[in-house]
Amino acid sequence: MNHTVIKPPTPSQSRLALEAAVSDRTTIALADVVENAALQTRVDKKFLLTPEQFANFTARLGPEFSVMQIDGLRTFRYRSTYFDTADFEQYRAHRQGRRRRYKVRSRTYVDSELCMFEIKTKGRRGATIKHRREQSIDQAHELTPQNVEFTAQVLATEYGEQVPELHPVMHNAYRRATFVNAVNGERVTCDVELQYSNTATAVHGPDMVIVETKSADGQGAADRALADLGIRPVSMSKYCLGVAALHPELPANKWSRLLTRHDWVRAA
């Protein structure tokens, strides 16, 4: 499966807002993030902000929030390959809000040359649980026997289910910065220049910032700052948005408004 990438307008206003927000923040090293703020089990909330809203939001984050820095970089390139069945079983499970739903993906941290195979499941009270193992970058776009076995173990333990026949169905790419409160483990990821592709086409998302708060109870300082600005969480998934954008023939339901309200540009 080819990893087609189309370039959004350069420079995007969302990326400029992101780089401005992280430029004068205290930094935190990756090792400290892993040690103090891994939050593999957490409550996630997602928000879609204009560049102006994002600037107002980050101005409200207190000094307890540092920005992750690795080798002098504060924003990082991410690429992912998602795996699903031929009839998009997990996309449909998320669209229908099933409790026993999961995502299977390979994520590449481009600037760090690190690649992880990940499975995200839902725990009690909607908490997200991430299961992951490191793998070689040259295996990022394939489902290896080791990863099939790992997936089987996770699904058997979490849901008592077997692994369906999975295939690579979509790639995505974006740029991210991460704010971290090392005291309580709260994190805020901020993604811009979102791109999706499959073997047939490619699209890129609107010039906005996808903000995801990750806290122990869903009531962190970042959640309160967003609420103070009148910004409400949205029901969205980067995976489901991508599938819906690339496959307009599939029902999109609750993501239809996000797709029609904002500009999604399809490759010529």
Protein backbone atom coordinates (compact mmCIF):
# COMPACT_ATOMS: atom_id res chain seq x y z
CA MET A 1 0.00 0.00 0.00
CA ASN A 2 1.61 3.24 -1.16
CA HIS A 3 1.96 6.07 1.32
CA THR A 4 0.84 9.00 -0.84
CA VAL A 5 1.31 12.40 0.75
CA ILE A 6 -0.10 15.68 -0.49
CA LYS A 7 1.17 18.96 0.84
CA PRO A 8 -1.22 21.43 2.45
CA PRO A 9 -0.80 25.16 1.77
CA THR A 10 2.55 26.31 3.15
CA PRO A 11 2.86 27.69 5.68
CA SER A 12 -0.50 26.80 7.22
CA GLN A 13 -1.88 29.21 9.79
CA SER A 14 -2.41 26.34 12.23
CA ARG A 15 1.24 25.34 12.04
CA LEU A 16 2.35 28.94 12.59
CA ALA A 17 0.09 29.12 15.65
CA LEU A 18 1.49 25.84 16.96
CA GLU A 19 5.11 26.89 16.53
CA ALA A 20 4.42 30.23 18.21
CA ALA A 21 2.77 28.50 21.17
CA VAL A 22 5.74 26.22 21.88
CA SER A 23 8.55 28.67 21.13
CA ASP A 24 8.90 30.19 24.61
CA ARG A 25 7.68 27.31 26.81
CA THR A 26 9.81 25.48 29.34
CA THR A 27 10.79 22.13 27.85
CA ILE A 28 10.60 18.58 29.15
CA ALA A 29 12.66 15.65 27.87
CA LEU A 30 11.09 12.52 26.41
CA ALA A 31 12.49 10.37 29.24
CA ASP A 32 10.68 12.53 31.80
CA VAL A 33 7.45 12.32 29.80
CA VAL A 34 7.67 8.53 29.76
CA GLU A 35 8.50 8.35 33.47
CA ASN A 36 6.01 10.89 34.81
CA ALA A 37 3.27 11.27 32.25
CA ALA A 38 2.92 8.10 30.19
CA LEU A 39 -0.82 7.77 30.95
CA GLN A 40 -1.34 4.59 28.99
CA THR A 41 -4.79 4.41 30.64
CA ARG A 42 -6.53 7.77 30.48
CA VAL A 43 -9.63 9.76 29.61
CA ASP A 44 -9.29 11.47 26.23
CA LYS A 45 -11.22 14.46 24.94
CA LYS A 46 -10.83 15.95 21.47
CA PHE A 47 -11.37 19.52 20.33
CA LEU A 48 -11.13 21.26 16.96
CA LEU A 49 -9.74 24.80 17.22
CA THR A 50 -9.09 27.62 14.79
CA PRO A 51 -5.55 29.07 14.96
CA GLU A 52 -6.94 32.06 16.89
CA GLN A 53 -8.75 29.86 19.41
CA PHE A 54 -5.62 27.78 19.82
CA ALA A 55 -3.50 30.85 20.62
CA ASN A 56 -6.04 31.89 23.28
CA PHE A 57 -6.12 28.39 24.72
CA THR A 58 -2.36 27.94 25.07
CA ALA A 59 -2.08 31.40 26.62
CA ARG A 60 -4.29 30.07 29.43
CA LEU A 61 -2.11 27.04 30.15
CA GLY A 62 -0.16 27.70 33.32
CA PRO A 63 3.60 27.39 33.84
CA GLU A 64 3.15 23.84 35.10
CA PHE A 65 2.79 22.83 31.46
CA SER A 66 6.05 22.24 29.61
CA VAL A 67 6.49 21.31 25.97
CA MET A 68 8.20 18.07 25.01
CA GLN A 69 11.54 18.59 23.28
CA ILE A 70 13.73 15.99 21.58
CA ASP A 71 17.09 16.84 20.00
CA GLY A 72 16.17 20.51 19.93
CA LEU A 73 12.81 19.93 18.21
CA ARG A 74 9.46 20.93 19.71
CA THR A 75 7.15 19.86 16.89
CA PHE A 76 7.39 16.40 15.37
CA ARG A 77 6.29 14.52 12.27
CA TYR A 78 4.06 11.49 12.78
CA ARG A 79 2.96 8.84 10.31
CA SER A 80 0.56 5.99 10.93
CA THR A 81 -0.80 2.99 9.08
CA TYR A 82 -4.20 1.71 10.23
CA PHE A 83 -5.39 -1.87 9.91
CA ASP A 84 -9.01 -2.94 9.58
CA THR A 85 -11.07 -5.63 7.89
CA ALA A 86 -12.01 -5.42 4.21
CA ASP A 87 -15.49 -4.16 5.18
CA PHE A 88 -14.15 -1.70 7.80
CA GLU A 89 -15.48 -3.58 10.81
CA GLN A 90 -13.78 -1.35 13.37
CA TYR A 91 -14.77 1.84 11.58
CA ARG A 92 -18.37 0.63 11.81
CA ALA A 93 -17.90 -0.29 15.49
CA HIS A 94 -16.75 3.27 16.25
CA ARG A 95 -19.53 4.80 14.16
CA GLN A 96 -22.11 2.77 16.07
CA GLY A 97 -20.52 3.52 19.45
CA ARG A 98 -19.97 -0.09 20.43
CA ARG A 99 -18.29 -0.54 23.79
CA ARG A 100 -16.04 -3.34 22.51
CA ARG A 101 -14.21 -1.38 19.86
CA TYR A 102 -10.53 -0.94 19.14
CA LYS A 103 -8.02 0.53 16.73
CA VAL A 104 -4.98 -1.28 15.33
CA ARG A 105 -2.19 0.83 13.92
CA SER A 106 1.52 1.19 13.34
CA ARG A 107 2.86 4.62 14.32
CA THR A 108 6.18 6.05 13.14
CA TYR A 109 7.83 8.92 14.97
CA VAL A 110 9.64 10.22 11.93
CA ASP A 111 12.12 12.57 13.58
CA SER A 112 13.08 10.02 16.25
CA GLU A 113 13.18 7.08 13.81
CA LEU A 114 11.04 5.06 16.21
CA CYS A 115 8.14 2.82 15.22
CA MET A 116 5.49 1.32 17.52
CA PHE A 117 2.70 -1.15 16.85
CA GLU A 118 -0.33 -0.14 18.90
CA ILE A 119 -3.78 -1.36 19.85
CA LYS A 120 -6.18 1.06 21.55
CA THR A 121 -9.06 -0.48 23.48
CA LYS A 122 -11.83 0.92 25.67
CA GLY A 123 -11.86 0.19 29.39
CA ARG A 124 -14.34 0.99 32.09
CA ARG A 125 -16.12 4.36 31.96
CA GLY A 126 -14.81 4.98 28.47
CA ALA A 127 -11.14 5.16 29.44
CA THR A 128 -8.68 4.56 26.59
CA ILE A 129 -6.08 1.84 27.11
CA LYS A 130 -3.07 1.73 24.80
CA HIS A 131 -1.13 -1.50 24.26
CA ARG A 132 2.08 -1.18 22.30
CA ARG A 133 5.29 -2.86 21.22
CA GLU A 134 8.30 -1.51 19.36
CA GLN A 135 9.01 -2.70 15.86
CA SER A 136 11.29 -1.98 12.92
CA ILE A 137 10.42 1.03 10.76
CA ASP A 138 10.57 -1.10 7.61
CA GLN A 139 7.63 -3.11 9.02
CA ALA A 140 5.45 -0.05 9.58
CA HIS A 141 3.07 -0.78 6.71
CA GLU A 142 2.59 -4.51 7.28
CA LEU A 143 0.93 -6.71 9.86
CA THR A 144 3.72 -9.06 10.91
CA PRO A 145 3.10 -12.47 12.52
CA GLN A 146 4.45 -11.04 15.78
CA ASN A 147 1.92 -8.23 15.67
CA VAL A 148 -0.91 -10.61 14.86
CA GLU A 149 0.06 -12.64 17.93
CA PHE A 150 0.27 -9.46 20.05
CA THR A 151 -3.16 -8.36 18.80
CA ALA A 152 -4.60 -11.79 19.59
CA GLN A 153 -3.32 -11.58 23.17
CA VAL A 154 -4.74 -8.10 23.70
CA LEU A 155 -8.18 -8.85 22.22
CA ALA A 156 -8.47 -12.13 24.10
CA THR A 157 -7.59 -10.43 27.39
CA GLU A 158 -9.66 -7.28 26.92
CA TYR A 159 -12.72 -8.57 25.06
CA GLY A 160 -12.50 -12.35 24.80
CA GLU A 161 -12.41 -12.00 21.01
CA GLN A 162 -10.31 -13.43 18.20
CA VAL A 163 -8.39 -11.40 15.67
CA PRO A 164 -10.28 -10.85 12.39
CA GLU A 165 -8.45 -10.76 9.06
CA LEU A 166 -6.86 -7.31 9.07
CA HIS A 167 -5.33 -5.33 6.20
CA PRO A 168 -3.63 -1.93 5.89
CA VAL A 169 -6.50 0.39 4.88
CA MET A 170 -5.18 3.91 5.41
CA HIS A 171 -2.12 6.03 6.06
CA ASN A 172 -2.10 9.37 7.80
CA ALA A 173 0.51 12.01 8.55
CA TYR A 174 0.56 15.16 10.64
CA ARG A 175 2.75 17.39 12.79
CA ARG A 176 2.37 17.35 16.59
CA ALA A 177 3.48 19.21 19.69
CA THR A 178 2.84 17.89 23.20
CA PHE A 179 2.30 19.88 26.38
CA VAL A 180 2.97 17.98 29.61
CA ASN A 181 2.14 18.57 33.25
CA ALA A 182 4.77 16.35 34.85
CA VAL A 183 3.20 16.76 38.30
CA ASN A 184 -0.06 14.95 37.60
CA GLY A 185 0.61 13.32 34.23
CA GLU A 186 -1.85 15.46 32.26
CA ARG A 187 -0.95 15.84 28.59
CA VAL A 188 -2.23 17.89 25.68
CA THR A 189 -1.39 16.85 22.12
CA CYS A 190 -1.83 19.38 19.32
CA ASP A 191 -1.93 18.19 15.70
CA VAL A 192 -1.80 20.24 12.50
CA GLU A 193 -1.56 19.63 8.74
CA LEU A 194 -3.47 16.37 8.85
CA GLN A 195 -3.19 14.21 5.71
CA TYR A 196 -4.77 10.90 4.72
CA SER A 197 -4.13 8.52 1.85
CA ASN A 198 -4.84 5.06 0.50
CA THR A 199 -4.05 3.36 -2.79
CA ALA A 200 -6.66 5.40 -4.65
CA THR A 201 -6.51 8.97 -3.39
CA ALA A 202 -5.35 11.43 -0.75
CA VAL A 203 -6.93 14.29 1.19
CA HIS A 204 -5.77 16.84 3.71
CA GLY A 205 -7.79 18.33 6.52
CA PRO A 206 -8.81 21.91 7.29
CA ASP A 207 -6.39 24.56 8.53
CA MET A 208 -7.23 23.91 12.17
CA VAL A 209 -5.63 22.38 15.27
CA ILE A 210 -6.81 19.07 16.67
CA VAL A 211 -6.32 19.30 20.43
CA GLU A 212 -6.58 16.16 22.54
CA THR A 213 -6.50 16.33 26.32
CA LYS A 214 -5.41 13.25 28.21
CA SER A 215 -5.98 13.15 31.96
CA ALA A 216 -6.80 10.69 34.71
CA ASP A 217 -10.42 11.84 35.06
CA GLY A 218 -11.18 14.05 32.05
CA GLN A 219 -11.25 17.17 34.25
CA GLY A 220 -7.69 18.48 33.90
CA ALA A 221 -6.49 22.07 33.77
CA ALA A 222 -6.50 22.01 29.97
CA ASP A 223 -10.12 20.80 29.93
CA ARG A 224 -11.08 23.68 32.23
CA ALA A 225 -9.21 26.23 30.10
CA LEU A 226 -11.08 25.08 27.00
CA ALA A 227 -14.40 25.18 28.84
CA ASP A 228 -13.67 28.74 30.00
CA LEU A 229 -13.29 29.71 26.32
CA GLY A 230 -16.60 28.08 25.47
CA ILE A 231 -14.95 25.37 23.37
CA ARG A 232 -16.70 22.03 23.69
CA PRO A 233 -15.26 18.60 22.94
CA VAL A 234 -16.22 17.01 19.65
CA SER A 235 -16.92 13.38 18.88
CA MET A 236 -14.16 12.58 16.45
CA SER A 237 -11.47 10.08 15.65
CA LYS A 238 -8.61 10.80 13.28
CA TYR A 239 -8.99 7.26 11.96
CA CYS A 240 -12.75 7.50 11.40
CA LEU A 241 -12.50 10.97 9.86
CA GLY A 242 -9.89 9.65 7.47
CA VAL A 243 -11.93 6.63 6.42
CA ALA A 244 -15.01 8.80 5.92
CA ALA A 245 -13.07 11.38 3.89
CA LEU A 246 -11.44 8.75 1.68
CA HIS A 247 -14.61 6.63 1.34
CA PRO A 248 -17.60 8.96 0.88
CA GLU A 249 -19.71 5.92 0.02
CA LEU A 250 -19.55 4.77 3.66
CA PRO A 251 -22.04 6.12 6.24
CA ALA A 252 -20.34 8.82 8.33
CA ASN A 253 -23.16 9.79 10.72
CA LYS A 254 -21.74 11.92 13.54
CA TRP A 255 -18.66 12.91 11.53
CA SER A 256 -20.63 14.26 8.57
CA ARG A 257 -20.86 17.75 10.06
CA LEU A 258 -17.10 17.94 10.61
CA LEU A 259 -16.49 16.85 7.03
CA THR A 260 -18.98 19.24 5.45
CA ARG A 261 -18.45 22.21 7.76
CA HIS A 262 -14.70 22.49 7.15
CA ASP A 263 -12.58 22.41 4.00
CA TRP A 264 -11.14 18.98 3.17
CA VAL A 265 -9.01 19.09 0.04
CA ARG A 266 -8.80 16.02 -2.18
CA ALA A 267 -5.77 15.32 -4.36
CA ALA A 268 -6.27 15.92 -8.08
